[in-house]
């Protein structure tokens, strides 16, 4: 048996083994609670442009139009057109 050190007021301080066993107990309790309900809220929205619009904007840039003009024409963010062209 491990010797416990007294805190001076009658309480016993935990030994290293007690603390280790305590953490193991926490892990098993987490496993028991794994079927709790999750209320996930999506933080981003879907893009407001279609893949077809993006393809058209990229083709327009490859045919000589500026990135800014193509992004405004097809309502696709400039950075997206720049990334894909």
C-alpha atoms as a PDB file:
ATOM      1  CA  UNK A   1       0.000   0.000   0.000  1.00  0.00           C
ATOM      2  CA  UNK A   2       1.265   3.470  -0.805  1.00  0.00           C
ATOM      3  CA  UNK A   3       1.858   5.872   2.005  1.00  0.00           C
ATOM      4  CA  UNK A   4      -0.196   9.053   1.840  1.00  0.00           C
ATOM      5  CA  UNK A   5       1.235  12.322   3.060  1.00  0.00           C
ATOM      6  CA  UNK A   6      -0.893  14.325   5.437  1.00  0.00           C
ATOM      7  CA  UNK A   7      -1.748  17.929   4.633  1.00  0.00           C
ATOM      8  CA  UNK A   8      -1.602  18.781   8.332  1.00  0.00           C
ATOM      9  CA  UNK A   9      -5.333  19.241   8.830  1.00  0.00           C
ATOM     10  CA  UNK A  10      -6.348  15.597   8.741  1.00  0.00           C
ATOM     11  CA  UNK A  11      -6.704  15.369   4.948  1.00  0.00           C
ATOM     12  CA  UNK A  12      -4.475  13.061   2.947  1.00  0.00           C
ATOM     13  CA  UNK A  13      -2.757  14.250  -0.210  1.00  0.00           C
ATOM     14  CA  UNK A  14      -3.025  11.837  -3.176  1.00  0.00           C
ATOM     15  CA  UNK A  15      -0.008   9.853  -4.269  1.00  0.00           C
ATOM     16  CA  UNK A  16       1.186   9.704  -7.874  1.00  0.00           C
ATOM     17  CA  UNK A  17      -0.566   6.359  -8.382  1.00  0.00           C
ATOM     18  CA  UNK A  18      -3.862   7.776  -7.092  1.00  0.00           C
ATOM     19  CA  UNK A  19      -3.642  10.670  -9.548  1.00  0.00           C
ATOM     20  CA  UNK A  20      -2.829   8.324 -12.442  1.00  0.00           C
ATOM     21  CA  UNK A  21      -5.788   6.086 -11.591  1.00  0.00           C
ATOM     22  CA  UNK A  22      -7.991   9.163 -11.319  1.00  0.00           C
ATOM     23  CA  UNK A  23      -7.086  10.215 -14.887  1.00  0.00           C
ATOM     24  CA  UNK A  24      -7.757   6.710 -16.134  1.00  0.00           C
ATOM     25  CA  UNK A  25     -11.175   6.925 -14.510  1.00  0.00           C
ATOM     26  CA  UNK A  26     -11.846  10.213 -16.299  1.00  0.00           C
ATOM     27  CA  UNK A  27     -11.012   8.593 -19.623  1.00  0.00           C
ATOM     28  CA  UNK A  28     -13.460   5.752 -18.998  1.00  0.00           C
ATOM     29  CA  UNK A  29     -16.147   8.261 -17.960  1.00  0.00           C
ATOM     30  CA  UNK A  30     -15.592  10.122 -21.214  1.00  0.00           C
ATOM     31  CA  UNK A  31     -16.206   6.883 -23.109  1.00  0.00           C
ATOM     32  CA  UNK A  32     -19.471   6.356 -21.210  1.00  0.00           C
ATOM     33  CA  UNK A  33     -20.647   9.855 -22.158  1.00  0.00           C
ATOM     34  CA  UNK A  34     -19.777   9.562 -25.837  1.00  0.00           C
ATOM     35  CA  UNK A  35     -23.423   9.093 -26.844  1.00  0.00           C
ATOM     36  CA  UNK A  36     -24.407  12.570 -25.680  1.00  0.00           C
ATOM     37  CA  UNK A  37     -26.386  14.700 -28.126  1.00  0.00           C
ATOM     38  CA  UNK A  38     -24.412  17.097 -30.273  1.00  0.00           C
ATOM     39  CA  UNK A  39     -25.838  20.432 -31.366  1.00  0.00           C
ATOM     40  CA  UNK A  40     -23.461  21.440 -34.148  1.00  0.00           C
ATOM     41  CA  UNK A  41     -24.146  24.752 -35.836  1.00  0.00           C
ATOM     42  CA  UNK A  42     -22.523  25.250 -39.239  1.00  0.00           C
ATOM     43  CA  UNK A  43     -20.489  28.447 -39.164  1.00  0.00           C
ATOM     44  CA  UNK A  44     -20.063  29.040 -42.897  1.00  0.00           C
ATOM     45  CA  UNK A  45     -22.583  29.139 -45.698  1.00  0.00           C
ATOM     46  CA  UNK A  46     -22.412  27.528 -49.101  1.00  0.00           C
ATOM     47  CA  UNK A  47     -20.989  29.696 -51.884  1.00  0.00           C
ATOM     48  CA  UNK A  48     -23.481  31.914 -53.680  1.00  0.00           C
ATOM     49  CA  UNK A  49     -22.111  30.912 -57.085  1.00  0.00           C
ATOM     50  CA  UNK A  50     -22.264  27.627 -58.943  1.00  0.00           C
ATOM     51  CA  UNK A  51     -19.375  25.588 -60.258  1.00  0.00           C
ATOM     52  CA  UNK A  52     -20.613  26.391 -63.745  1.00  0.00           C
ATOM     53  CA  UNK A  53     -20.304  30.148 -63.041  1.00  0.00           C
ATOM     54  CA  UNK A  54     -16.788  29.609 -61.749  1.00  0.00           C
ATOM     55  CA  UNK A  55     -15.792  27.629 -64.840  1.00  0.00           C
ATOM     56  CA  UNK A  56     -17.207  30.343 -67.095  1.00  0.00           C
ATOM     57  CA  UNK A  57     -15.277  33.033 -65.215  1.00  0.00           C
ATOM     58  CA  UNK A  58     -12.018  31.067 -65.484  1.00  0.00           C
ATOM     59  CA  UNK A  59     -12.560  30.511 -69.213  1.00  0.00           C
ATOM     60  CA  UNK A  60     -13.238  34.211 -69.685  1.00  0.00           C
ATOM     61  CA  UNK A  61      -9.913  35.044 -67.974  1.00  0.00           C
ATOM     62  CA  UNK A  62      -8.074  32.489 -70.129  1.00  0.00           C
ATOM     63  CA  UNK A  63      -9.623  34.124 -73.214  1.00  0.00           C
ATOM     64  CA  UNK A  64      -8.124  37.490 -72.273  1.00  0.00           C
ATOM     65  CA  UNK A  65     -10.579  39.167 -69.914  1.00  0.00           C
ATOM     66  CA  UNK A  66      -9.347  40.626 -66.631  1.00  0.00           C
ATOM     67  CA  UNK A  67      -9.918  38.738 -63.380  1.00  0.00           C
ATOM     68  CA  UNK A  68     -11.877  41.662 -61.951  1.00  0.00           C
ATOM     69  CA  UNK A  69     -14.219  41.874 -64.955  1.00  0.00           C
ATOM     70  CA  UNK A  70     -14.843  38.122 -65.042  1.00  0.00           C
ATOM     71  CA  UNK A  71     -15.522  37.963 -61.305  1.00  0.00           C
ATOM     72  CA  UNK A  72     -18.047  40.802 -61.517  1.00  0.00           C
ATOM     73  CA  UNK A  73     -19.740  39.365 -64.605  1.00  0.00           C
ATOM     74  CA  UNK A  74     -20.278  35.893 -63.103  1.00  0.00           C
ATOM     75  CA  UNK A  75     -20.549  37.010 -59.431  1.00  0.00           C
ATOM     76  CA  UNK A  76     -17.613  34.896 -58.274  1.00  0.00           C
ATOM     77  CA  UNK A  77     -15.064  36.241 -55.750  1.00  0.00           C
ATOM     78  CA  UNK A  78     -11.921  37.625 -57.377  1.00  0.00           C
ATOM     79  CA  UNK A  79      -9.645  35.471 -55.234  1.00  0.00           C
ATOM     80  CA  UNK A  80     -11.460  32.345 -56.374  1.00  0.00           C
ATOM     81  CA  UNK A  81     -11.110  33.286 -60.039  1.00  0.00           C
ATOM     82  CA  UNK A  82      -7.437  34.135 -59.464  1.00  0.00           C
ATOM     83  CA  UNK A  83      -6.841  30.814 -57.712  1.00  0.00           C
ATOM     84  CA  UNK A  84      -8.443  28.716 -60.465  1.00  0.00           C
ATOM     85  CA  UNK A  85      -7.188  30.597 -63.513  1.00  0.00           C
END
